[in-house]
Amino acid sequence: MKQKIVMKVHMSCQKCRTESLKLVAKADGVSFVGLEGAEKDKVVVIGEGVDAVKLATSLRNKVGHTELISVAEQK
């Protein structure tokens, strides 16, 4: 089952954006990573078998405040 995970991450600079995308891309089961929102502060992850809570915790530890917005099944 593919799922779409959207997280809002506090990213104050380009280095933070790069670090968050690298971290998410390394996760198991991830097939797509992108940025959304007017300020490019939402990280969108599409994949199969991705643990959303573990991913959000990793982002909190490495980048900063992370808020899990939605987890939905992707068709």
PDB file of N, CA and C in Angstrom:
ATOM      1  N   MET A   1       0.835  -1.179   0.000  1.00  0.00           N
ATOM      2  CA  MET A   1       0.000   0.000   0.000  1.00  0.00           C
ATOM      3  C   MET A   1       0.886   1.251   0.000  1.00  0.00           C
ATOM      4  N   LYS A   2       0.757   2.055  -1.042  1.00  0.00           N
ATOM      5  CA  LYS A   2       1.498   3.310  -1.099  1.00  0.00           C
ATOM      6  C   LYS A   2       0.785   4.332  -0.236  1.00  0.00           C
ATOM      7  N   GLN A   3       1.578   5.172   0.402  1.00  0.00           N
ATOM      8  CA  GLN A   3       0.989   6.217   1.227  1.00  0.00           C
ATOM      9  C   GLN A   3       1.675   7.547   0.977  1.00  0.00           C
ATOM     10  N   LYS A   4       0.928   8.617   1.188  1.00  0.00           N
ATOM     11  CA  LYS A   4       1.444   9.974   1.033  1.00  0.00           C
ATOM     12  C   LYS A   4       1.488  10.607   2.415  1.00  0.00           C
ATOM     13  N   ILE A   5       2.689  11.051   2.800  1.00  0.00           N
ATOM     14  CA  ILE A   5       2.896  11.654   4.109  1.00  0.00           C
ATOM     15  C   ILE A   5       3.289  13.106   3.903  1.00  0.00           C
ATOM     16  N   VAL A   6       2.596  14.019   4.591  1.00  0.00           N
ATOM     17  CA  VAL A   6       2.907  15.442   4.513  1.00  0.00           C
ATOM     18  C   VAL A   6       3.302  15.916   5.904  1.00  0.00           C
ATOM     19  N   MET A   7       4.490  16.551   5.995  1.00  0.00           N
ATOM     20  CA  MET A   7       4.996  17.063   7.267  1.00  0.00           C
ATOM     21  C   MET A   7       5.424  18.510   7.100  1.00  0.00           C
ATOM     22  N   LYS A   8       5.112  19.322   8.079  1.00  0.00           N
ATOM     23  CA  LYS A   8       5.567  20.706   8.089  1.00  0.00           C
ATOM     24  C   LYS A   8       6.835  20.764   8.940  1.00  0.00           C
ATOM     25  N   VAL A   9       7.917  21.238   8.334  1.00  0.00           N
ATOM     26  CA  VAL A   9       9.216  21.271   8.994  1.00  0.00           C
ATOM     27  C   VAL A   9       9.700  22.716   9.048  1.00  0.00           C
ATOM     28  N   HIS A  10      10.151  23.143  10.221  1.00  0.00           N
ATOM     29  CA  HIS A  10      10.694  24.493  10.367  1.00  0.00           C
ATOM     30  C   HIS A  10      12.083  24.516   9.730  1.00  0.00           C
ATOM     31  N   MET A  11      12.167  25.143   8.546  1.00  0.00           N
ATOM     32  CA  MET A  11      13.428  25.220   7.816  1.00  0.00           C
ATOM     33  C   MET A  11      13.762  26.694   7.597  1.00  0.00           C
ATOM     34  N   SER A  12      14.817  27.155   8.243  1.00  0.00           N
ATOM     35  CA  SER A  12      15.150  28.578   8.187  1.00  0.00           C
ATOM     36  C   SER A  12      16.123  28.929   7.071  1.00  0.00           C
ATOM     37  N   CYS A  13      16.761  27.932   6.464  1.00  0.00           N
ATOM     38  CA  CYS A  13      17.742  28.230   5.423  1.00  0.00           C
ATOM     39  C   CYS A  13      17.767  27.107   4.392  1.00  0.00           C
ATOM     40  N   GLN A  14      18.503  27.317   3.313  1.00  0.00           N
ATOM     41  CA  GLN A  14      18.602  26.319   2.253  1.00  0.00           C
ATOM     42  C   GLN A  14      19.310  25.058   2.738  1.00  0.00           C
ATOM     43  N   LYS A  15      20.268  25.216   3.640  1.00  0.00           N
ATOM     44  CA  LYS A  15      20.988  24.067   4.177  1.00  0.00           C
ATOM     45  C   LYS A  15      20.029  23.137   4.921  1.00  0.00           C
ATOM     46  N   CYS A  16      19.089  23.706   5.658  1.00  0.00           N
ATOM     47  CA  CYS A  16      18.096  22.903   6.383  1.00  0.00           C
ATOM     48  C   CYS A  16      17.212  22.133   5.397  1.00  0.00           C
ATOM     49  N   ARG A  17      16.814  22.785   4.299  1.00  0.00           N
ATOM     50  CA  ARG A  17      15.995  22.112   3.285  1.00  0.00           C
ATOM     51  C   ARG A  17      16.749  20.926   2.696  1.00  0.00           C
ATOM     52  N   THR A  18      18.007  21.153   2.344  1.00  0.00           N
ATOM     53  CA  THR A  18      18.823  20.101   1.760  1.00  0.00           C
ATOM     54  C   THR A  18      18.994  18.946   2.735  1.00  0.00           C
ATOM     55  N   GLU A  19      19.281  19.254   3.978  1.00  0.00           N
ATOM     56  CA  GLU A  19      19.473  18.225   5.013  1.00  0.00           C
ATOM     57  C   GLU A  19      18.197  17.410   5.218  1.00  0.00           C
ATOM     58  N   SER A  20      17.043  18.070   5.232  1.00  0.00           N
ATOM     59  CA  SER A  20      15.789  17.349   5.452  1.00  0.00           C
ATOM     60  C   SER A  20      15.464  16.446   4.264  1.00  0.00           C
ATOM     61  N   LEU A  21      15.705  16.907   3.045  1.00  0.00           N
ATOM     62  CA  LEU A  21      15.433  16.078   1.875  1.00  0.00           C
ATOM     63  C   LEU A  21      16.372  14.871   1.816  1.00  0.00           C
ATOM     64  N   LYS A  22      17.637  15.059   2.162  1.00  0.00           N
ATOM     65  CA  LYS A  22      18.590  13.947   2.182  1.00  0.00           C
ATOM     66  C   LYS A  22      18.174  12.902   3.212  1.00  0.00           C
ATOM     67  N   LEU A  23      17.773  13.361   4.388  1.00  0.00           N
ATOM     68  CA  LEU A  23      17.383  12.462   5.466  1.00  0.00           C
ATOM     69  C   LEU A  23      16.156  11.634   5.081  1.00  0.00           C
ATOM     70  N   VAL A  24      15.168  12.288   4.481  1.00  0.00           N
ATOM     71  CA  VAL A  24      13.938  11.596   4.103  1.00  0.00           C
ATOM     72  C   VAL A  24      14.197  10.626   2.949  1.00  0.00           C
ATOM     73  N   ALA A  25      15.040  11.009   2.007  1.00  0.00           N
ATOM     74  CA  ALA A  25      15.319  10.152   0.848  1.00  0.00           C
ATOM     75  C   ALA A  25      16.002   8.851   1.250  1.00  0.00           C
ATOM     76  N   LYS A  26      16.740   8.847   2.357  1.00  0.00           N
ATOM     77  CA  LYS A  26      17.436   7.643   2.828  1.00  0.00           C
ATOM     78  C   LYS A  26      16.500   6.627   3.482  1.00  0.00           C
ATOM     79  N   ALA A  27      15.312   7.039   3.865  1.00  0.00           N
ATOM     80  CA  ALA A  27      14.391   6.154   4.588  1.00  0.00           C
ATOM     81  C   ALA A  27      13.954   4.974   3.715  1.00  0.00           C
ATOM     82  N   ASP A  28      13.683   3.858   4.355  1.00  0.00           N
ATOM     83  CA  ASP A  28      13.258   2.648   3.646  1.00  0.00           C
ATOM     84  C   ASP A  28      11.868   2.822   3.045  1.00  0.00           C
ATOM     85  N   GLY A  29      11.717   2.417   1.785  1.00  0.00           N
ATOM     86  CA  GLY A  29      10.414   2.422   1.131  1.00  0.00           C
ATOM     87  C   GLY A  29      10.021   3.716   0.472  1.00  0.00           C
ATOM     88  N   VAL A  30      10.843   4.745   0.541  1.00  0.00           N
ATOM     89  CA  VAL A  30      10.503   6.046  -0.039  1.00  0.00           C
ATOM     90  C   VAL A  30      10.741   6.012  -1.544  1.00  0.00           C
ATOM     91  N   SER A  31       9.726   6.434  -2.319  1.00  0.00           N
ATOM     92  CA  SER A  31       9.876   6.474  -3.770  1.00  0.00           C
ATOM     93  C   SER A  31       9.860   7.898  -4.315  1.00  0.00           C
ATOM     94  N   PHE A  32       9.319   8.869  -3.564  1.00  0.00           N
ATOM     95  CA  PHE A  32       9.281  10.262  -4.003  1.00  0.00           C
ATOM     96  C   PHE A  32       9.382  11.182  -2.800  1.00  0.00           C
ATOM     97  N   VAL A  33      10.182  12.246  -2.955  1.00  0.00           N
ATOM     98  CA  VAL A  33      10.304  13.270  -1.919  1.00  0.00           C
ATOM     99  C   VAL A  33      10.205  14.628  -2.605  1.00  0.00           C
ATOM    100  N   GLY A  34       9.441  15.538  -2.025  1.00  0.00           N
ATOM    101  CA  GLY A  34       9.314  16.867  -2.603  1.00  0.00           C
ATOM    102  C   GLY A  34       8.945  17.892  -1.559  1.00  0.00           C
ATOM    103  N   LEU A  35       8.970  19.169  -1.980  1.00  0.00           N
ATOM    104  CA  LEU A  35       8.599  20.279  -1.111  1.00  0.00           C
ATOM    105  C   LEU A  35       7.325  20.914  -1.629  1.00  0.00           C
ATOM    106  N   GLU A  36       6.471  21.363  -0.718  1.00  0.00           N
ATOM    107  CA  GLU A  36       5.227  22.034  -1.055  1.00  0.00           C
ATOM    108  C   GLU A  36       5.073  23.277  -0.219  1.00  0.00           C
ATOM    109  N   GLY A  37       4.071  24.053  -0.536  1.00  0.00           N
ATOM    110  CA  GLY A  37       3.743  25.233   0.248  1.00  0.00           C
ATOM    111  C   GLY A  37       4.385  26.485  -0.321  1.00  0.00           C
ATOM    112  N   ALA A  38       3.840  27.614   0.077  1.00  0.00           N
ATOM    113  CA  ALA A  38       4.340  28.903  -0.403  1.00  0.00           C
ATOM    114  C   ALA A  38       5.775  29.156   0.038  1.00  0.00           C
ATOM    115  N   GLU A  39       6.104  28.719   1.234  1.00  0.00           N
ATOM    116  CA  GLU A  39       7.451  28.933   1.765  1.00  0.00           C
ATOM    117  C   GLU A  39       8.320  27.687   1.643  1.00  0.00           C
ATOM    118  N   LYS A  40       7.860  26.684   0.893  1.00  0.00           N
ATOM    119  CA  LYS A  40       8.578  25.410   0.736  1.00  0.00           C
ATOM    120  C   LYS A  40       8.922  24.802   2.093  1.00  0.00           C
ATOM    121  N   ASP A  41       7.933  24.807   2.992  1.00  0.00           N
ATOM    122  CA  ASP A  41       8.160  24.303   4.344  1.00  0.00           C
ATOM    123  C   ASP A  41       7.462  22.972   4.617  1.00  0.00           C
ATOM    124  N   LYS A  42       6.799  22.415   3.596  1.00  0.00           N
ATOM    125  CA  LYS A  42       6.133  21.131   3.761  1.00  0.00           C
ATOM    126  C   LYS A  42       6.862  20.073   2.948  1.00  0.00           C
ATOM    127  N   VAL A  43       7.243  18.997   3.619  1.00  0.00           N
ATOM    128  CA  VAL A  43       7.926  17.889   2.969  1.00  0.00           C
ATOM    129  C   VAL A  43       6.880  16.824   2.653  1.00  0.00           C
ATOM    130  N   VAL A  44       6.826  16.420   1.373  1.00  0.00           N
ATOM    131  CA  VAL A  44       5.887  15.397   0.927  1.00  0.00           C
ATOM    132  C   VAL A  44       6.670  14.138   0.607  1.00  0.00           C
ATOM    133  N   VAL A  45       6.244  13.024   1.193  1.00  0.00           N
ATOM    134  CA  VAL A  45       6.912  11.741   1.003  1.00  0.00           C
ATOM    135  C   VAL A  45       5.880  10.746   0.487  1.00  0.00           C
ATOM    136  N   ILE A  46       6.213  10.066  -0.608  1.00  0.00           N
ATOM    137  CA  ILE A  46       5.359   9.013  -1.132  1.00  0.00           C
ATOM    138  C   ILE A  46       6.183   7.738  -1.149  1.00  0.00           C
ATOM    139  N   GLY A  47       5.611   6.678  -0.596  1.00  0.00           N
ATOM    140  CA  GLY A  47       6.338   5.421  -0.560  1.00  0.00           C
ATOM    141  C   GLY A  47       5.491   4.301  -0.002  1.00  0.00           C
ATOM    142  N   GLU A  48       6.109   3.136   0.057  1.00  0.00           N
ATOM    143  CA  GLU A  48       5.418   1.954   0.527  1.00  0.00           C
ATOM    144  C   GLU A  48       6.083   1.450   1.801  1.00  0.00           C
ATOM    145  N   GLY A  49       5.314   1.320   2.866  1.00  0.00           N
ATOM    146  CA  GLY A  49       5.841   0.815   4.122  1.00  0.00           C
ATOM    147  C   GLY A  49       6.696   1.819   4.890  1.00  0.00           C
ATOM    148  N   VAL A  50       6.462   3.106   4.689  1.00  0.00           N
ATOM    149  CA  VAL A  50       7.233   4.150   5.370  1.00  0.00           C
ATOM    150  C   VAL A  50       6.616   4.407   6.738  1.00  0.00           C
ATOM    151  N   ASP A  51       7.444   4.447   7.769  1.00  0.00           N
ATOM    152  CA  ASP A  51       6.983   4.727   9.130  1.00  0.00           C
ATOM    153  C   ASP A  51       6.979   6.242   9.336  1.00  0.00           C
ATOM    154  N   ALA A  52       5.806   6.843   9.353  1.00  0.00           N
ATOM    155  CA  ALA A  52       5.663   8.291   9.426  1.00  0.00           C
ATOM    156  C   ALA A  52       6.178   8.861  10.746  1.00  0.00           C
ATOM    157  N   VAL A  53       5.924   8.180  11.836  1.00  0.00           N
ATOM    158  CA  VAL A  53       6.343   8.670  13.147  1.00  0.00           C
ATOM    159  C   VAL A  53       7.868   8.636  13.275  1.00  0.00           C
ATOM    160  N   LYS A  54       8.468   7.555  12.815  1.00  0.00           N
ATOM    161  CA  LYS A  54       9.924   7.433  12.864  1.00  0.00           C
ATOM    162  C   LYS A  54      10.586   8.502  11.990  1.00  0.00           C
ATOM    163  N   LEU A  55       9.989   8.775  10.836  1.00  0.00           N
ATOM    164  CA  LEU A  55      10.502   9.790   9.927  1.00  0.00           C
ATOM    165  C   LEU A  55      10.404  11.186  10.544  1.00  0.00           C
ATOM    166  N   ALA A  56       9.274  11.483  11.178  1.00  0.00           N
ATOM    167  CA  ALA A  56       9.097  12.773  11.825  1.00  0.00           C
ATOM    168  C   ALA A  56      10.059  12.945  12.995  1.00  0.00           C
ATOM    169  N   THR A  57      10.290  11.881  13.746  1.00  0.00           N
ATOM    170  CA  THR A  57      11.231  11.938  14.870  1.00  0.00           C
ATOM    171  C   THR A  57      12.648  12.200  14.378  1.00  0.00           C
ATOM    172  N   SER A  58      13.036  11.554  13.294  1.00  0.00           N
ATOM    173  CA  SER A  58      14.368  11.769  12.726  1.00  0.00           C
ATOM    174  C   SER A  58      14.543  13.213  12.276  1.00  0.00           C
ATOM    175  N   LEU A  59      13.517  13.771  11.651  1.00  0.00           N
ATOM    176  CA  LEU A  59      13.582  15.170  11.217  1.00  0.00           C
ATOM    177  C   LEU A  59      13.665  16.117  12.409  1.00  0.00           C
ATOM    178  N   ARG A  60      12.939  15.808  13.473  1.00  0.00           N
ATOM    179  CA  ARG A  60      13.006  16.654  14.672  1.00  0.00           C
ATOM    180  C   ARG A  60      14.414  16.660  15.254  1.00  0.00           C
ATOM    181  N   ASN A  61      15.059  15.500  15.261  1.00  0.00           N
ATOM    182  CA  ASN A  61      16.401  15.399  15.828  1.00  0.00           C
ATOM    183  C   ASN A  61      17.448  16.104  14.982  1.00  0.00           C
ATOM    184  N   LYS A  62      17.334  16.037  13.665  1.00  0.00           N
ATOM    185  CA  LYS A  62      18.366  16.576  12.775  1.00  0.00           C
ATOM    186  C   LYS A  62      18.109  18.016  12.337  1.00  0.00           C
ATOM    187  N   VAL A  63      16.859  18.367  12.041  1.00  0.00           N
ATOM    188  CA  VAL A  63      16.564  19.667  11.423  1.00  0.00           C
ATOM    189  C   VAL A  63      15.915  20.636  12.401  1.00  0.00           C
ATOM    190  N   GLY A  64      14.843  20.223  13.044  1.00  0.00           N
ATOM    191  CA  GLY A  64      14.138  21.121  13.955  1.00  0.00           C
ATOM    192  C   GLY A  64      12.687  20.698  14.104  1.00  0.00           C
ATOM    193  N   HIS A  65      11.865  21.625  14.540  1.00  0.00           N
ATOM    194  CA  HIS A  65      10.454  21.353  14.821  1.00  0.00           C
ATOM    195  C   HIS A  65       9.766  20.771  13.595  1.00  0.00           C
ATOM    196  N   THR A  66       9.134  19.615  13.770  1.00  0.00           N
ATOM    197  CA  THR A  66       8.437  18.935  12.683  1.00  0.00           C
ATOM    198  C   THR A  66       7.039  18.567  13.139  1.00  0.00           C
ATOM    199  N   GLU A  67       6.067  18.870  12.283  1.00  0.00           N
ATOM    200  CA  GLU A  67       4.672  18.600  12.586  1.00  0.00           C
ATOM    201  C   GLU A  67       4.112  17.665  11.517  1.00  0.00           C
ATOM    202  N   LEU A  68       3.576  16.542  11.920  1.00  0.00           N
ATOM    203  CA  LEU A  68       2.987  15.578  10.999  1.00  0.00           C
ATOM    204  C   LEU A  68       1.587  16.071  10.636  1.00  0.00           C
ATOM    205  N   ILE A  69       1.382  16.414   9.368  1.00  0.00           N
ATOM    206  CA  ILE A  69       0.105  16.987   8.940  1.00  0.00           C
ATOM    207  C   ILE A  69      -0.875  15.904   8.501  1.00  0.00           C
ATOM    208  N   SER A  70      -0.443  15.019   7.588  1.00  0.00           N
ATOM    209  CA  SER A  70      -1.358  13.981   7.139  1.00  0.00           C
ATOM    210  C   SER A  70      -0.619  12.744   6.666  1.00  0.00           C
ATOM    211  N   VAL A  71      -1.324  11.623   6.801  1.00  0.00           N
ATOM    212  CA  VAL A  71      -0.887  10.337   6.259  1.00  0.00           C
ATOM    213  C   VAL A  71      -2.091   9.756   5.558  1.00  0.00           C
ATOM    214  N   ALA A  72      -1.990   9.589   4.227  1.00  0.00           N
ATOM    215  CA  ALA A  72      -3.129   9.107   3.452  1.00  0.00           C
ATOM    216  C   ALA A  72      -2.676   8.042   2.474  1.00  0.00           C
ATOM    217  N   GLU A  73      -3.622   7.168   2.103  1.00  0.00           N
ATOM    218  CA  GLU A  73      -3.319   6.136   1.128  1.00  0.00           C
ATOM    219  C   GLU A  73      -3.255   6.772  -0.255  1.00  0.00           C
ATOM    220  N   GLN A  74      -2.219   6.404  -1.012  1.00  0.00           N
ATOM    221  CA  GLN A  74      -2.001   6.940  -2.355  1.00  0.00           C
ATOM    222  C   GLN A  74      -2.429   5.891  -3.362  1.00  0.00           C
ATOM    223  N   LYS A  75      -3.226   6.279  -4.340  1.00  0.00           N
ATOM    224  CA  LYS A  75      -3.689   5.313  -5.355  1.00  0.00           C
ATOM    225  C   LYS A  75      -2.890   5.436  -6.620  1.00  0.00           C
TER     226      LYS A  75
END
